[in-house]
Protein backbone atom coordinates (compact mmCIF):
# COMPACT_ATOMS: atom_id res chain seq x y z
CA MET A 1 -27.67 -22.56 -13.37
CA MET A 2 -26.37 -25.70 -11.70
CA PRO A 3 -27.45 -26.37 -8.07
CA LYS A 4 -24.80 -26.13 -5.37
CA SER A 5 -23.53 -29.43 -4.05
CA ARG A 6 -24.81 -30.46 -0.67
CA GLN A 7 -21.50 -32.06 0.10
CA ALA A 8 -18.67 -29.97 1.50
CA SER A 9 -15.66 -29.86 -0.78
CA PRO A 10 -12.38 -29.88 1.08
CA GLU A 11 -9.83 -27.30 0.13
CA PRO A 12 -7.08 -28.72 -2.12
CA SER A 13 -4.05 -29.62 -0.17
CA GLU A 14 -0.43 -30.70 -0.65
CA ALA A 15 0.13 -34.40 -0.53
CA GLN A 16 2.49 -35.72 2.12
CA ASP A 17 4.95 -38.61 1.54
CA MET A 18 3.12 -41.77 0.55
CA PRO A 19 4.19 -44.29 3.16
CA GLY A 20 4.87 -47.63 1.52
CA GLY A 21 4.07 -46.09 -1.85
CA ALA A 22 0.29 -45.92 -1.20
CA ALA A 23 -2.11 -43.40 0.25
CA TRP A 24 -5.73 -42.27 0.21
CA LEU A 25 -5.78 -38.68 -1.10
CA PRO A 26 -8.65 -36.22 -0.86
CA HIS A 27 -10.18 -34.59 -3.95
CA GLY A 28 -7.98 -31.72 -5.22
CA CYS A 29 -4.80 -32.88 -3.40
CA SER A 30 -1.65 -31.99 -5.33
CA VAL A 31 2.01 -32.64 -5.39
CA ALA A 32 4.15 -29.62 -6.30
CA PRO A 33 6.61 -29.86 -9.24
CA HIS A 34 9.59 -32.00 -8.47
CA VAL A 35 12.21 -34.35 -10.13
CA HIS A 36 13.30 -37.90 -9.36
CA GLU A 37 16.52 -39.69 -10.27
CA ALA A 38 14.51 -42.83 -11.07
CA GLY A 39 11.40 -43.26 -13.19
CA GLN A 40 7.98 -43.24 -11.57
CA LEU A 41 4.71 -44.97 -12.15
CA VAL A 42 1.57 -43.50 -10.39
CA TYR A 43 -1.58 -45.66 -10.38
CA ALA A 44 -5.01 -44.69 -9.23
CA ALA A 45 -6.98 -47.62 -7.88
CA THR A 46 -9.87 -45.29 -7.46
CA GLY A 47 -10.19 -41.60 -8.41
CA THR A 48 -8.03 -39.91 -11.07
CA VAL A 49 -4.43 -38.79 -11.19
CA THR A 50 -3.23 -36.02 -13.51
CA THR A 51 0.53 -35.80 -14.16
CA THR A 52 1.89 -32.61 -15.79
CA THR A 53 5.37 -32.09 -17.28
CA ALA A 54 6.82 -29.45 -19.62
CA ARG A 55 5.82 -31.81 -22.51
CA GLY A 56 2.19 -32.15 -21.58
CA THR A 57 -0.55 -33.32 -19.23
CA TRP A 58 -1.71 -36.94 -18.86
CA VAL A 59 -4.95 -37.88 -17.14
CA ALA A 60 -5.22 -41.44 -15.80
CA PRO A 61 -8.63 -42.60 -14.50
CA ALA A 62 -8.90 -45.49 -12.10
CA ASP A 63 -7.00 -48.63 -13.15
CA ARG A 64 -4.68 -46.65 -15.35
CA VAL A 65 -1.13 -45.42 -14.80
CA THR A 66 1.05 -42.43 -15.62
CA TRP A 67 4.79 -42.83 -16.44
CA THR A 68 7.35 -40.17 -15.66
CA PRO A 69 10.91 -40.94 -16.91
CA PRO A 70 13.85 -40.11 -14.64
CA GLY A 71 14.99 -36.50 -14.61
CA PHE A 72 11.65 -34.98 -15.76
CA ALA A 73 10.15 -32.22 -13.65
CA HIS A 74 6.57 -33.20 -13.02
CA ALA A 75 3.56 -32.44 -10.76
CA HIS A 76 0.48 -34.43 -9.79
CA ARG A 77 -3.13 -33.59 -8.94
CA PHE A 78 -5.69 -36.04 -7.69
CA ASN A 79 -9.45 -35.77 -8.44
CA GLY A 80 -12.05 -37.55 -6.45
CA ARG A 81 -11.00 -39.44 -3.37
CA THR A 82 -8.00 -41.30 -4.82
CA ASP A 83 -6.41 -44.50 -3.69
CA ALA A 84 -3.02 -43.79 -5.17
CA ARG A 85 -0.09 -46.20 -5.52
CA LEU A 86 3.48 -45.17 -6.43
CA LEU A 87 6.19 -47.31 -7.90
CA THR A 88 9.74 -46.12 -8.36
CA VAL A 89 11.60 -47.74 -11.26
CA PRO A 90 15.33 -47.83 -10.90
CA VAL A 91 17.37 -46.28 -13.76
CA GLU A 92 18.68 -49.53 -15.28
CA PRO A 93 15.36 -51.28 -15.94
CA ASP A 94 13.58 -48.09 -16.99
CA GLN A 95 15.84 -47.67 -20.01
CA ASP A 96 13.56 -50.10 -21.91
CA LEU A 97 10.49 -47.88 -21.11
CA PRO A 98 9.38 -45.21 -23.63
CA VAL A 99 10.53 -41.69 -23.55
CA ARG A 100 9.64 -39.36 -26.40
CA GLY A 101 12.55 -37.44 -27.78
CA ARG A 102 15.25 -39.47 -26.10
C-alpha cells in the first residue's frame, strides 16, 4: 500500500481564459471540449498538457507542444503545476501544418 501524500491536492478546476496566452495552472486543471476557427499550439514550459480529440489523446511533457488543427473539437488537462502557453495560428499559415486525414 502506498503512503498518503503529505501535500494537499487541490481539486481539479476549470481553466479560465489565459490572459496574453500564458497562465500558471494548478494540477488537475482542465479545459472543457471546445472548437476554434484557427489552429492552436499549447506548450507546457513546466508540467504536462494532455490534449484530447475524437482522434486520440496526446500528452506533451514540459518543453513539448500539442497541435490542434482548426475546427477540431478538443479538451485539455494539465498535470503538475503547469506554466502553459497558448498560440493561435491563423487559418492561412496553418494550412502547411500536418492534419491526418485531410
